[in-house]
PDB file of N, CA and C in Angstrom:
ATOM      1  N   MET A   1       9.474 112.976  88.627  1.00  0.00           N
ATOM      2  CA  MET A   1      10.505 112.956  89.639  1.00  0.00           C
ATOM      3  C   MET A   1      11.803 113.557  89.105  1.00  0.00           C
ATOM      4  N   GLU A   2      12.106 113.271  87.864  1.00  0.00           N
ATOM      5  CA  GLU A   2      13.319 113.812  87.263  1.00  0.00           C
ATOM      6  C   GLU A   2      13.244 115.332  87.169  1.00  0.00           C
ATOM      7  N   ASN A   3      12.070 115.879  86.843  1.00  0.00           N
ATOM      8  CA  ASN A   3      11.908 117.322  86.746  1.00  0.00           C
ATOM      9  C   ASN A   3      12.166 118.013  88.079  1.00  0.00           C
ATOM     10  N   THR A   4      11.785 117.368  89.173  1.00  0.00           N
ATOM     11  CA  THR A   4      12.000 117.943  90.496  1.00  0.00           C
ATOM     12  C   THR A   4      13.487 118.108  90.788  1.00  0.00           C
ATOM     13  N   SER A   5      14.285 117.101  90.461  1.00  0.00           N
ATOM     14  CA  SER A   5      15.724 117.200  90.719  1.00  0.00           C
ATOM     15  C   SER A   5      16.367 118.264  89.847  1.00  0.00           C
ATOM     16  N   VAL A   6      15.894 118.393  88.608  1.00  0.00           N
ATOM     17  CA  VAL A   6      16.409 119.444  87.728  1.00  0.00           C
ATOM     18  C   VAL A   6      16.062 120.803  88.307  1.00  0.00           C
ATOM     19  N   GLN A   7      14.833 120.941  88.793  1.00  0.00           N
ATOM     20  CA  GLN A   7      14.408 122.210  89.369  1.00  0.00           C
ATOM     21  C   GLN A   7      15.231 122.548  90.612  1.00  0.00           C
ATOM     22  N   LYS A   8      15.525 121.568  91.452  1.00  0.00           N
ATOM     23  CA  LYS A   8      16.332 121.806  92.645  1.00  0.00           C
ATOM     24  C   LYS A   8      17.739 122.251  92.277  1.00  0.00           C
ATOM     25  N   VAL A   9      18.314 121.624  91.260  1.00  0.00           N
ATOM     26  CA  VAL A   9      19.656 122.001  90.824  1.00  0.00           C
ATOM     27  C   VAL A   9      19.648 123.435  90.325  1.00  0.00           C
ATOM     28  N   SER A  10      18.656 123.799  89.513  1.00  0.00           N
ATOM     29  CA  SER A  10      18.584 125.152  88.979  1.00  0.00           C
ATOM     30  C   SER A  10      18.368 126.168  90.086  1.00  0.00           C
ATOM     31  N   THR A  11      17.468 125.865  91.018  1.00  0.00           N
ATOM     32  CA  THR A  11      17.209 126.774  92.124  1.00  0.00           C
ATOM     33  C   THR A  11      18.447 126.934  92.987  1.00  0.00           C
ATOM     34  N   THR A  12      19.137 125.849  93.256  1.00  0.00           N
ATOM     35  CA  THR A  12      20.359 125.901  94.050  1.00  0.00           C
ATOM     36  C   THR A  12      21.422 126.723  93.344  1.00  0.00           C
ATOM     37  N   SER A  13      21.567 126.533  92.048  1.00  0.00           N
ATOM     38  CA  SER A  13      22.594 127.278  91.323  1.00  0.00           C
ATOM     39  C   SER A  13      22.270 128.765  91.266  1.00  0.00           C
ATOM     40  N   ILE A  14      21.008 129.120  91.218  1.00  0.00           N
ATOM     41  CA  ILE A  14      20.610 130.528  91.206  1.00  0.00           C
ATOM     42  C   ILE A  14      20.898 131.174  92.560  1.00  0.00           C
ATOM     43  N   MET A  15      20.783 130.412  93.619  1.00  0.00           N
ATOM     44  CA  MET A  15      21.017 130.922  94.971  1.00  0.00           C
ATOM     45  C   MET A  15      22.508 131.068  95.277  1.00  0.00           C
ATOM     46  N   ASP A  16      23.366 130.462  94.481  1.00  0.00           N
ATOM     47  CA  ASP A  16      24.815 130.535  94.665  1.00  0.00           C
ATOM     48  C   ASP A  16      25.291 131.930  94.269  1.00  0.00           C
ATOM     49  N   SER A  17      26.002 132.600  95.142  1.00  0.00           N
ATOM     50  CA  SER A  17      26.442 133.975  94.860  1.00  0.00           C
ATOM     51  C   SER A  17      27.394 134.065  93.669  1.00  0.00           C
ATOM     52  N   GLN A  18      27.953 132.947  93.236  1.00  0.00           N
ATOM     53  CA  GLN A  18      28.827 132.937  92.060  1.00  0.00           C
ATOM     54  C   GLN A  18      28.045 132.733  90.761  1.00  0.00           C
ATOM     55  N   SER A  19      26.758 132.437  90.868  1.00  0.00           N
ATOM     56  CA  SER A  19      25.921 132.214  89.693  1.00  0.00           C
ATOM     57  C   SER A  19      25.691 133.517  88.939  1.00  0.00           C
ATOM     58  N   LEU A  20      25.662 133.433  87.629  1.00  0.00           N
ATOM     59  CA  LEU A  20      25.356 134.604  86.807  1.00  0.00           C
ATOM     60  C   LEU A  20      23.949 135.117  87.086  1.00  0.00           C
ATOM     61  N   TYR A  21      23.083 134.240  87.540  1.00  0.00           N
ATOM     62  CA  TYR A  21      21.684 134.587  87.780  1.00  0.00           C
ATOM     63  C   TYR A  21      21.415 135.052  89.209  1.00  0.00           C
ATOM     64  N   PHE A  22      22.433 135.026  90.048  1.00  0.00           N
ATOM     65  CA  PHE A  22      22.239 135.398  91.444  1.00  0.00           C
ATOM     66  C   PHE A  22      21.920 136.884  91.559  1.00  0.00           C
ATOM     67  N   LEU A  23      20.878 137.194  92.318  1.00  0.00           N
ATOM     68  CA  LEU A  23      20.539 138.575  92.638  1.00  0.00           C
ATOM     69  C   LEU A  23      20.444 138.692  94.152  1.00  0.00           C
ATOM     70  N   HIS A  24      21.193 139.611  94.697  1.00  0.00           N
ATOM     71  CA  HIS A  24      21.158 139.859  96.134  1.00  0.00           C
ATOM     72  C   HIS A  24      19.915 140.693  96.447  1.00  0.00           C
ATOM     73  N   HIS A  25      19.407 140.579  97.654  1.00  0.00           N
ATOM     74  CA  HIS A  25      18.192 141.317  98.008  1.00  0.00           C
ATOM     75  C   HIS A  25      18.387 142.835  97.969  1.00  0.00           C
ATOM     76  N   THR A  26      19.617 143.301  97.957  1.00  0.00           N
ATOM     77  CA  THR A  26      19.861 144.744  97.861  1.00  0.00           C
ATOM     78  C   THR A  26      20.055 145.221  96.421  1.00  0.00           C
ATOM     79  N   ASP A  27      20.028 144.311  95.463  1.00  0.00           N
ATOM     80  CA  ASP A  27      20.172 144.706  94.058  1.00  0.00           C
ATOM     81  C   ASP A  27      18.884 145.383  93.587  1.00  0.00           C
ATOM     82  N   HIS A  28      19.011 146.585  93.092  1.00  0.00           N
ATOM     83  CA  HIS A  28      17.877 147.309  92.532  1.00  0.00           C
ATOM     84  C   HIS A  28      18.411 148.284  91.495  1.00  0.00           C
ATOM     85  N   TYR A  29      17.524 149.041  90.859  1.00  0.00           N
ATOM     86  CA  TYR A  29      17.948 149.864  89.732  1.00  0.00           C
ATOM     87  C   TYR A  29      18.957 150.945  90.086  1.00  0.00           C
ATOM     88  N   GLU A  30      19.066 151.324  91.339  1.00  0.00           N
ATOM     89  CA  GLU A  30      20.048 152.333  91.735  1.00  0.00           C
ATOM     90  C   GLU A  30      21.310 151.722  92.342  1.00  0.00           C
ATOM     91  N   SER A  31      21.466 150.407  92.248  1.00  0.00           N
ATOM     92  CA  SER A  31      22.629 149.727  92.833  1.00  0.00           C
ATOM     93  C   SER A  31      23.932 150.092  92.145  1.00  0.00           C
ATOM     94  N   VAL A  32      23.881 150.300  90.854  1.00  0.00           N
ATOM     95  CA  VAL A  32      25.082 150.625  90.088  1.00  0.00           C
ATOM     96  C   VAL A  32      25.045 152.109  89.760  1.00  0.00           C
ATOM     97  N   VAL A  33      26.095 152.799  90.139  1.00  0.00           N
ATOM     98  CA  VAL A  33      26.155 154.234  89.901  1.00  0.00           C
ATOM     99  C   VAL A  33      27.287 154.528  88.925  1.00  0.00           C
ATOM    100  N   ILE A  34      26.915 155.066  87.783  1.00  0.00           N
ATOM    101  CA  ILE A  34      27.885 155.545  86.799  1.00  0.00           C
ATOM    102  C   ILE A  34      27.824 157.069  86.890  1.00  0.00           C
ATOM    103  N   ASN A  35      28.915 157.696  87.275  1.00  0.00           N
ATOM    104  CA  ASN A  35      28.901 159.128  87.564  1.00  0.00           C
ATOM    105  C   ASN A  35      28.556 160.013  86.377  1.00  0.00           C
ATOM    106  N   HIS A  36      28.956 159.622  85.192  1.00  0.00           N
ATOM    107  CA  HIS A  36      28.684 160.447  84.017  1.00  0.00           C
ATOM    108  C   HIS A  36      27.702 159.728  83.112  1.00  0.00           C
ATOM    109  N   LYS A  37      26.649 160.419  82.736  1.00  0.00           N
ATOM    110  CA  LYS A  37      25.659 159.849  81.822  1.00  0.00           C
ATOM    111  C   LYS A  37      26.254 159.800  80.418  1.00  0.00           C
ATOM    112  N   LEU A  38      25.835 158.802  79.659  1.00  0.00           N
ATOM    113  CA  LEU A  38      26.312 158.647  78.287  1.00  0.00           C
ATOM    114  C   LEU A  38      25.899 159.840  77.437  1.00  0.00           C
ATOM    115  N   THR A  39      26.877 160.404  76.726  1.00  0.00           N
ATOM    116  CA  THR A  39      26.634 161.476  75.760  1.00  0.00           C
ATOM    117  C   THR A  39      27.311 161.085  74.452  1.00  0.00           C
ATOM    118  N   PHE A  40      27.215 161.962  73.464  1.00  0.00           N
ATOM    119  CA  PHE A  40      27.845 161.673  72.174  1.00  0.00           C
ATOM    120  C   PHE A  40      29.367 161.700  72.245  1.00  0.00           C
ATOM    121  N   SER A  41      29.927 162.298  73.304  1.00  0.00           N
ATOM    122  CA  SER A  41      31.379 162.459  73.340  1.00  0.00           C
ATOM    123  C   SER A  41      32.100 161.632  74.406  1.00  0.00           C
ATOM    124  N   ASN A  42      31.387 160.783  75.141  1.00  0.00           N
ATOM    125  CA  ASN A  42      32.069 160.061  76.220  1.00  0.00           C
ATOM    126  C   ASN A  42      31.814 158.553  76.213  1.00  0.00           C
ATOM    127  N   TYR A  43      31.485 157.987  75.075  1.00  0.00           N
ATOM    128  CA  TYR A  43      31.123 156.567  75.028  1.00  0.00           C
ATOM    129  C   TYR A  43      32.217 155.662  75.595  1.00  0.00           C
ATOM    130  N   VAL A  44      33.468 155.881  75.223  1.00  0.00           N
ATOM    131  CA  VAL A  44      34.546 154.988  75.661  1.00  0.00           C
ATOM    132  C   VAL A  44      34.656 154.990  77.189  1.00  0.00           C
ATOM    133  N   ALA A  45      34.684 156.159  77.795  1.00  0.00           N
ATOM    134  CA  ALA A  45      34.783 156.246  79.259  1.00  0.00           C
ATOM    135  C   ALA A  45      33.526 155.684  79.922  1.00  0.00           C
ATOM    136  N   TRP A  46      32.356 156.036  79.381  1.00  0.00           N
ATOM    137  CA  TRP A  46      31.094 155.539  79.945  1.00  0.00           C
ATOM    138  C   TRP A  46      31.009 154.015  79.852  1.00  0.00           C
ATOM    139  N   SER A  47      31.328 153.456  78.693  1.00  0.00           N
ATOM    140  CA  SER A  47      31.209 152.004  78.523  1.00  0.00           C
ATOM    141  C   SER A  47      32.201 151.266  79.423  1.00  0.00           C
ATOM    142  N   ARG A  48      33.364 151.839  79.622  1.00  0.00           N
ATOM    143  CA  ARG A  48      34.353 151.235  80.527  1.00  0.00           C
ATOM    144  C   ARG A  48      33.818 151.232  81.960  1.00  0.00           C
ATOM    145  N   ALA A  49      33.244 152.342  82.389  1.00  0.00           N
ATOM    146  CA  ALA A  49      32.686 152.425  83.741  1.00  0.00           C
ATOM    147  C   ALA A  49      31.527 151.444  83.909  1.00  0.00           C
ATOM    148  N   PHE A  50      30.676 151.344  82.903  1.00  0.00           N
ATOM    149  CA  PHE A  50      29.542 150.419  82.984  1.00  0.00           C
ATOM    150  C   PHE A  50      30.031 148.974  82.989  1.00  0.00           C
ATOM    151  N   MET A  51      31.034 148.686  82.169  1.00  0.00           N
ATOM    152  CA  MET A  51      31.592 147.331  82.116  1.00  0.00           C
ATOM    153  C   MET A  51      32.212 146.949  83.468  1.00  0.00           C
ATOM    154  N   LEU A  52      32.916 147.867  84.102  1.00  0.00           N
ATOM    155  CA  LEU A  52      33.491 147.595  85.426  1.00  0.00           C
ATOM    156  C   LEU A  52      32.393 147.300  86.448  1.00  0.00           C
ATOM    157  N   ALA A  53      31.304 148.043  86.365  1.00  0.00           N
ATOM    158  CA  ALA A  53      30.176 147.783  87.263  1.00  0.00           C
ATOM    159  C   ALA A  53      29.610 146.388  87.019  1.00  0.00           C
ATOM    160  N   LEU A  54      29.441 146.020  85.753  1.00  0.00           N
ATOM    161  CA  LEU A  54      28.916 144.688  85.436  1.00  0.00           C
ATOM    162  C   LEU A  54      29.873 143.587  85.884  1.00  0.00           C
ATOM    163  N   LEU A  55      31.162 143.821  85.730  1.00  0.00           N
ATOM    164  CA  LEU A  55      32.150 142.845  86.197  1.00  0.00           C
ATOM    165  C   LEU A  55      32.036 142.641  87.705  1.00  0.00           C
ATOM    166  N   SER A  56      31.851 143.718  88.434  1.00  0.00           N
ATOM    167  CA  SER A  56      31.762 143.605  89.891  1.00  0.00           C
ATOM    168  C   SER A  56      30.488 142.889  90.329  1.00  0.00           C
ATOM    169  N   TRP A  57      29.451 142.929  89.508  1.00  0.00           N
ATOM    170  CA  TRP A  57      28.190 142.254  89.831  1.00  0.00           C
ATOM    171  C   TRP A  57      28.064 140.901  89.123  1.00  0.00           C
ATOM    172  N   ASN A  58      29.111 140.476  88.407  1.00  0.00           N
ATOM    173  CA  ASN A  58      29.110 139.183  87.716  1.00  0.00           C
ATOM    174  C   ASN A  58      27.990 139.092  86.675  1.00  0.00           C
ATOM    175  N   LYS A  59      27.835 140.149  85.863  1.00  0.00           N
ATOM    176  CA  LYS A  59      26.741 140.185  84.896  1.00  0.00           C
ATOM    177  C   LYS A  59      27.195 140.502  83.466  1.00  0.00           C
ATOM    178  N   VAL A  60      28.490 140.527  83.196  1.00  0.00           N
ATOM    179  CA  VAL A  60      28.988 140.863  81.858  1.00  0.00           C
ATOM    180  C   VAL A  60      28.439 139.913  80.800  1.00  0.00           C
ATOM    181  N   GLU A  61      28.270 138.660  81.158  1.00  0.00           N
ATOM    182  CA  GLU A  61      27.835 137.651  80.183  1.00  0.00           C
ATOM    183  C   GLU A  61      26.470 137.952  79.580  1.00  0.00           C
ATOM    184  N   PHE A  62      25.698 138.813  80.219  1.00  0.00           N
ATOM    185  CA  PHE A  62      24.395 139.179  79.664  1.00  0.00           C
ATOM    186  C   PHE A  62      24.525 140.182  78.519  1.00  0.00           C
ATOM    187  N   ILE A  63      25.603 140.950  78.477  1.00  0.00           N
ATOM    188  CA  ILE A  63      25.760 141.900  77.375  1.00  0.00           C
ATOM    189  C   ILE A  63      26.684 141.390  76.283  1.00  0.00           C
ATOM    190  N   ASP A  64      27.555 140.432  76.599  1.00  0.00           N
ATOM    191  CA  ASP A  64      28.466 139.931  75.559  1.00  0.00           C
ATOM    192  C   ASP A  64      27.927 138.674  74.864  1.00  0.00           C
ATOM    193  N   ARG A  65      26.680 138.345  75.155  1.00  0.00           N
ATOM    194  CA  ARG A  65      25.957 137.224  74.529  1.00  0.00           C
ATOM    195  C   ARG A  65      26.493 135.850  74.923  1.00  0.00           C
ATOM    196  N   THR A  66      27.263 135.769  76.000  1.00  0.00           N
ATOM    197  CA  THR A  66      27.673 134.470  76.527  1.00  0.00           C
ATOM    198  C   THR A  66      26.451 133.744  77.081  1.00  0.00           C
ATOM    199  N   VAL A  67      25.570 134.505  77.724  1.00  0.00           N
ATOM    200  CA  VAL A  67      24.317 133.965  78.248  1.00  0.00           C
ATOM    201  C   VAL A  67      23.202 134.436  77.333  1.00  0.00           C
ATOM    202  N   LEU A  68      22.590 133.496  76.635  1.00  0.00           N
ATOM    203  CA  LEU A  68      21.495 133.822  75.728  1.00  0.00           C
ATOM    204  C   LEU A  68      20.156 133.630  76.427  1.00  0.00           C
ATOM    205  N   LYS A  69      19.143 134.307  75.925  1.00  0.00           N
ATOM    206  CA  LYS A  69      17.801 134.188  76.488  1.00  0.00           C
ATOM    207  C   LYS A  69      17.307 132.753  76.334  1.00  0.00           C
ATOM    208  N   PRO A  70      16.962 132.095  77.445  1.00  0.00           N
ATOM    209  CA  PRO A  70      16.462 130.718  77.358  1.00  0.00           C
ATOM    210  C   PRO A  70      15.031 130.690  76.815  1.00  0.00           C
ATOM    211  N   ALA A  71      14.606 129.535  76.384  1.00  0.00           N
ATOM    212  CA  ALA A  71      13.221 129.346  75.947  1.00  0.00           C
ATOM    213  C   ALA A  71      12.292 129.590  77.131  1.00  0.00           C
ATOM    214  N   SER A  72      11.073 130.018  76.854  1.00  0.00           N
ATOM    215  CA  SER A  72      10.135 130.357  77.928  1.00  0.00           C
ATOM    216  C   SER A  72       9.794 129.168  78.825  1.00  0.00           C
ATOM    217  N   ILE A  73      10.011 127.945  78.347  1.00  0.00           N
ATOM    218  CA  ILE A  73       9.738 126.764  79.175  1.00  0.00           C
ATOM    219  C   ILE A  73      10.948 126.351  80.017  1.00  0.00           C
ATOM    220  N   ASP A  74      12.085 126.977  79.774  1.00  0.00           N
ATOM    221  CA  ASP A  74      13.310 126.672  80.519  1.00  0.00           C
ATOM    222  C   ASP A  74      13.192 127.221  81.942  1.00  0.00           C
ATOM    223  N   LEU A  75      13.703 126.493  82.910  1.00  0.00           N
ATOM    224  CA  LEU A  75      13.666 126.936  84.306  1.00  0.00           C
ATOM    225  C   LEU A  75      14.468 128.216  84.536  1.00  0.00           C
ATOM    226  N   LEU A  76      15.405 128.513  83.662  1.00  0.00           N
ATOM    227  CA  LEU A  76      16.220 129.721  83.815  1.00  0.00           C
ATOM    228  C   LEU A  76      15.615 130.933  83.106  1.00  0.00           C
ATOM    229  N   PHE A  77      14.464 130.754  82.454  1.00  0.00           N
ATOM    230  CA  PHE A  77      13.835 131.868  81.745  1.00  0.00           C
ATOM    231  C   PHE A  77      13.499 133.018  82.701  1.00  0.00           C
ATOM    232  N   GLY A  78      12.840 132.722  83.800  1.00  0.00           N
ATOM    233  CA  GLY A  78      12.482 133.758  84.778  1.00  0.00           C
ATOM    234  C   GLY A  78      13.698 134.472  85.348  1.00  0.00           C
ATOM    235  N   PRO A  79      14.695 133.726  85.832  1.00  0.00           N
ATOM    236  CA  PRO A  79      15.904 134.384  86.330  1.00  0.00           C
ATOM    237  C   PRO A  79      16.625 135.204  85.254  1.00  0.00           C
ATOM    238  N   TRP A  80      16.622 134.723  84.007  1.00  0.00           N
ATOM    239  CA  TRP A  80      17.257 135.481  82.926  1.00  0.00           C
ATOM    240  C   TRP A  80      16.532 136.807  82.729  1.00  0.00           C
ATOM    241  N   ILE A  81      15.195 136.763  82.704  1.00  0.00           N
ATOM    242  CA  ILE A  81      14.396 137.984  82.540  1.00  0.00           C
ATOM    243  C   ILE A  81      14.701 138.966  83.671  1.00  0.00           C
ATOM    244  N   GLN A  82      14.769 138.470  84.902  1.00  0.00           N
ATOM    245  CA  GLN A  82      15.063 139.342  86.042  1.00  0.00           C
ATOM    246  C   GLN A  82      16.424 140.011  85.903  1.00  0.00           C
ATOM    247  N   CYS A  83      17.439 139.246  85.566  1.00  0.00           N
ATOM    248  CA  CYS A  83      18.792 139.803  85.422  1.00  0.00           C
ATOM    249  C   CYS A  83      18.856 140.778  84.255  1.00  0.00           C
ATOM    250  N   ASN A  84      18.303 140.392  83.122  1.00  0.00           N
ATOM    251  CA  ASN A  84      18.292 141.255  81.943  1.00  0.00           C
ATOM    252  C   ASN A  84      17.622 142.591  82.277  1.00  0.00           C
ATOM    253  N   ASN A  85      16.467 142.531  82.937  1.00  0.00           N
ATOM    254  CA  ASN A  85      15.733 143.752  83.258  1.00  0.00           C
ATOM    255  C   ASN A  85      16.447 144.604  84.297  1.00  0.00           C
ATOM    256  N   LEU A  86      17.125 143.972  85.248  1.00  0.00           N
ATOM    257  CA  LEU A  86      17.881 144.743  86.226  1.00  0.00           C
ATOM    258  C   LEU A  86      19.043 145.473  85.551  1.00  0.00           C
ATOM    259  N   ILE A  87      19.757 144.785  84.676  1.00  0.00           N
ATOM    260  CA  ILE A  87      20.863 145.425  83.951  1.00  0.00           C
ATOM    261  C   ILE A  87      20.318 146.543  83.068  1.00  0.00           C
ATOM    262  N   LEU A  88      19.168 146.305  82.449  1.00  0.00           N
ATOM    263  CA  LEU A  88      18.525 147.337  81.631  1.00  0.00           C
ATOM    264  C   LEU A  88      18.191 148.560  82.486  1.00  0.00           C
ATOM    265  N   ALA A  89      17.680 148.345  83.683  1.00  0.00           N
ATOM    266  CA  ALA A  89      17.375 149.463  84.582  1.00  0.00           C
ATOM    267  C   ALA A  89      18.648 150.215  84.958  1.00  0.00           C
ATOM    268  N   TRP A  90      19.734 149.475  85.246  1.00  0.00           N
ATOM    269  CA  TRP A  90      21.014 150.125  85.540  1.00  0.00           C
ATOM    270  C   TRP A  90      21.451 150.982  84.361  1.00  0.00           C
ATOM    271  N   LEU A  91      21.329 150.426  83.176  1.00  0.00           N
ATOM    272  CA  LEU A  91      21.753 151.143  81.978  1.00  0.00           C
ATOM    273  C   LEU A  91      20.898 152.394  81.769  1.00  0.00           C
ATOM    274  N   MET A  92      19.584 152.264  81.921  1.00  0.00           N
ATOM    275  CA  MET A  92      18.689 153.412  81.717  1.00  0.00           C
ATOM    276  C   MET A  92      19.002 154.544  82.699  1.00  0.00           C
ATOM    277  N   GLU A  93      19.469 154.180  83.899  1.00  0.00           N
ATOM    278  CA  GLU A  93      19.845 155.188  84.891  1.00  0.00           C
ATOM    279  C   GLU A  93      21.153 155.892  84.527  1.00  0.00           C
ATOM    280  N   SER A  94      21.925 155.304  83.611  1.00  0.00           N
ATOM    281  CA  SER A  94      23.249 155.854  83.304  1.00  0.00           C
ATOM    282  C   SER A  94      23.324 156.535  81.939  1.00  0.00           C
ATOM    283  N   ILE A  95      22.182 156.772  81.319  1.00  0.00           N
ATOM    284  CA  ILE A  95      22.166 157.459  80.024  1.00  0.00           C
ATOM    285  C   ILE A  95      21.201 158.635  80.090  1.00  0.00           C
ATOM    286  N   THR A  96      21.359 159.556  79.174  1.00  0.00           N
ATOM    287  CA  THR A  96      20.503 160.736  79.151  1.00  0.00           C
ATOM    288  C   THR A  96      19.115 160.380  78.617  1.00  0.00           C
ATOM    289  N   PRO A  97      18.087 161.144  78.995  1.00  0.00           N
ATOM    290  CA  PRO A  97      16.731 160.853  78.508  1.00  0.00           C
ATOM    291  C   PRO A  97      16.608 160.774  76.979  1.00  0.00           C
ATOM    292  N   PRO A  98      17.247 161.665  76.212  1.00  0.00           N
ATOM    293  CA  PRO A  98      17.135 161.506  74.753  1.00  0.00           C
ATOM    294  C   PRO A  98      17.713 160.177  74.254  1.00  0.00           C
ATOM    295  N   THR A  99      18.801 159.738  74.853  1.00  0.00           N
ATOM    296  CA  THR A  99      19.389 158.453  74.480  1.00  0.00           C
ATOM    297  C   THR A  99      18.474 157.319  74.916  1.00  0.00           C
ATOM    298  N   ALA A 100      17.932 157.421  76.105  1.00  0.00           N
ATOM    299  CA  ALA A 100      17.026 156.383  76.617  1.00  0.00           C
ATOM    300  C   ALA A 100      15.828 156.203  75.700  1.00  0.00           C
ATOM    301  N   SER A 101      15.341 157.294  75.137  1.00  0.00           N
ATOM    302  CA  SER A 101      14.164 157.186  74.265  1.00  0.00           C
ATOM    303  C   SER A 101      14.454 156.391  73.001  1.00  0.00           C
ATOM    304  N   THR A 102      15.709 156.311  72.581  1.00  0.00           N
ATOM    305  CA  THR A 102      16.047 155.559  71.362  1.00  0.00           C
ATOM    306  C   THR A 102      16.108 154.055  71.598  1.00  0.00           C
ATOM    307  N   ILE A 103      16.222 153.646  72.848  1.00  0.00           N
ATOM    308  CA  ILE A 103      16.334 152.207  73.141  1.00  0.00           C
ATOM    309  C   ILE A 103      15.224 151.711  74.057  1.00  0.00           C
ATOM    310  N   PHE A 104      14.300 152.580  74.397  1.00  0.00           N
ATOM    311  CA  PHE A 104      13.283 152.274  75.399  1.00  0.00           C
ATOM    312  C   PHE A 104      12.500 150.998  75.104  1.00  0.00           C
ATOM    313  N   TYR A 105      12.209 150.736  73.855  1.00  0.00           N
ATOM    314  CA  TYR A 105      11.378 149.578  73.513  1.00  0.00           C
ATOM    315  C   TYR A 105      12.180 148.337  73.144  1.00  0.00           C
ATOM    316  N   MET A 106      13.478 148.381  73.305  1.00  0.00           N
ATOM    317  CA  MET A 106      14.299 147.196  73.067  1.00  0.00           C
ATOM    318  C   MET A 106      14.298 146.353  74.340  1.00  0.00           C
ATOM    319  N   ASP A 107      14.224 145.030  74.188  1.00  0.00           N
ATOM    320  CA  ASP A 107      14.112 144.146  75.353  1.00  0.00           C
ATOM    321  C   ASP A 107      15.424 143.511  75.794  1.00  0.00           C
ATOM    322  N   SER A 108      16.294 143.211  74.877  1.00  0.00           N
ATOM    323  CA  SER A 108      17.519 142.479  75.204  1.00  0.00           C
ATOM    324  C   SER A 108      18.652 143.444  75.520  1.00  0.00           C
ATOM    325  N   ILE A 109      19.234 143.298  76.688  1.00  0.00           N
ATOM    326  CA  ILE A 109      20.348 144.161  77.073  1.00  0.00           C
ATOM    327  C   ILE A 109      21.530 143.987  76.125  1.00  0.00           C
ATOM    328  N   ALA A 110      21.713 142.784  75.593  1.00  0.00           N
ATOM    329  CA  ALA A 110      22.802 142.549  74.631  1.00  0.00           C
ATOM    330  C   ALA A 110      22.554 143.336  73.348  1.00  0.00           C
ATOM    331  N   ASP A 111      21.308 143.376  72.878  1.00  0.00           N
ATOM    332  CA  ASP A 111      20.974 144.155  71.684  1.00  0.00           C
ATOM    333  C   ASP A 111      21.159 145.648  71.936  1.00  0.00           C
ATOM    334  N   ILE A 112      20.758 146.096  73.107  1.00  0.00           N
ATOM    335  CA  ILE A 112      20.905 147.511  73.457  1.00  0.00           C
ATOM    336  C   ILE A 112      22.380 147.887  73.528  1.00  0.00           C
ATOM    337  N   TRP A 113      23.185 147.048  74.168  1.00  0.00           N
ATOM    338  CA  TRP A 113      24.620 147.312  74.287  1.00  0.00           C
ATOM    339  C   TRP A 113      25.249 147.433  72.901  1.00  0.00           C
ATOM    340  N   SER A 114      24.907 146.516  72.031  1.00  0.00           N
ATOM    341  CA  SER A 114      25.426 146.524  70.665  1.00  0.00           C
ATOM    342  C   SER A 114      24.984 147.785  69.924  1.00  0.00           C
ATOM    343  N   ASN A 115      23.738 148.163  70.096  1.00  0.00           N
ATOM    344  CA  ASN A 115      23.193 149.360  69.457  1.00  0.00           C
ATOM    345  C   ASN A 115      23.909 150.616  69.938  1.00  0.00           C
ATOM    346  N   LEU A 116      24.128 150.728  71.239  1.00  0.00           N
ATOM    347  CA  LEU A 116      24.822 151.900  71.779  1.00  0.00           C
ATOM    348  C   LEU A 116      26.259 151.971  71.276  1.00  0.00           C
ATOM    349  N   LYS A 117      26.921 150.826  71.227  1.00  0.00           N
ATOM    350  CA  LYS A 117      28.298 150.796  70.723  1.00  0.00           C
ATOM    351  C   LYS A 117      28.346 151.239  69.265  1.00  0.00           C
ATOM    352  N   GLN A 118      27.423 150.737  68.478  1.00  0.00           N
ATOM    353  CA  GLN A 118      27.383 151.090  67.057  1.00  0.00           C
ATOM    354  C   GLN A 118      27.077 152.575  66.863  1.00  0.00           C
ATOM    355  N   ASN A 119      26.142 153.113  67.634  1.00  0.00           N
ATOM    356  CA  ASN A 119      25.707 154.497  67.439  1.00  0.00           C
ATOM    357  C   ASN A 119      26.573 155.541  68.133  1.00  0.00           C
ATOM    358  N   PHE A 120      27.221 155.176  69.225  1.00  0.00           N
ATOM    359  CA  PHE A 120      27.994 156.157  69.984  1.00  0.00           C
ATOM    360  C   PHE A 120      29.498 155.920  69.939  1.00  0.00           C
ATOM    361  N   GLY A 121      29.914 154.702  69.736  1.00  0.00           N
ATOM    362  CA  GLY A 121      31.330 154.365  69.772  1.00  0.00           C
ATOM    363  C   GLY A 121      32.162 155.119  68.763  1.00  0.00           C
ATOM    364  N   GLN A 122      31.632 155.290  67.569  1.00  0.00           N
ATOM    365  CA  GLN A 122      32.376 155.989  66.521  1.00  0.00           C
ATOM    366  C   GLN A 122      32.370 157.492  66.744  1.00  0.00           C
ATOM    367  N   LEU A 123      31.309 158.016  67.362  1.00  0.00           N
ATOM    368  CA  LEU A 123      31.210 159.456  67.592  1.00  0.00           C
ATOM    369  C   LEU A 123      32.218 159.949  68.618  1.00  0.00           C
ATOM    370  N   ASP A 124      32.631 159.063  69.503  1.00  0.00           N
ATOM    371  CA  ASP A 124      33.558 159.424  70.572  1.00  0.00           C
ATOM    372  C   ASP A 124      34.922 159.846  70.028  1.00  0.00           C
ATOM    373  N   TYR A 125      35.237 159.435  68.829  1.00  0.00           N
ATOM    374  CA  TYR A 125      36.549 159.737  68.252  1.00  0.00           C
ATOM    375  C   TYR A 125      36.537 160.946  67.327  1.00  0.00           C
ATOM    376  N   ILE A 126      35.384 161.549  67.164  1.00  0.00           N
ATOM    377  CA  ILE A 126      35.278 162.694  66.241  1.00  0.00           C
ATOM    378  C   ILE A 126      35.755 163.960  66.920  1.00  0.00           C
TER     379      ILE A 126
END
């Protein structure tokens, strides 16, 4: 009986549009449009545009590690996977194919974000 109430609370919180896990039925991989694809010379502008998009969709916490991947038995595991993968799809749409190939097999959007910052952030100033 206790598990049922926990599940209802989690389901209700996911349905709340203010929830980090909330996904609207119109959210899909083309929902976020970043006009310029990431290159070796535009990381700062690209990351700012991507961050603004994430802020508008209430998803920044997935890349800044505020929201960590829950255990597979956690009720939020499925919603976390959905949000992580949607943000990953948005990101893949906003980078060039050669860049995408370097992160294609990474699963965590936070790890990918960190990797891109490390590999491209310094090049932007050269």
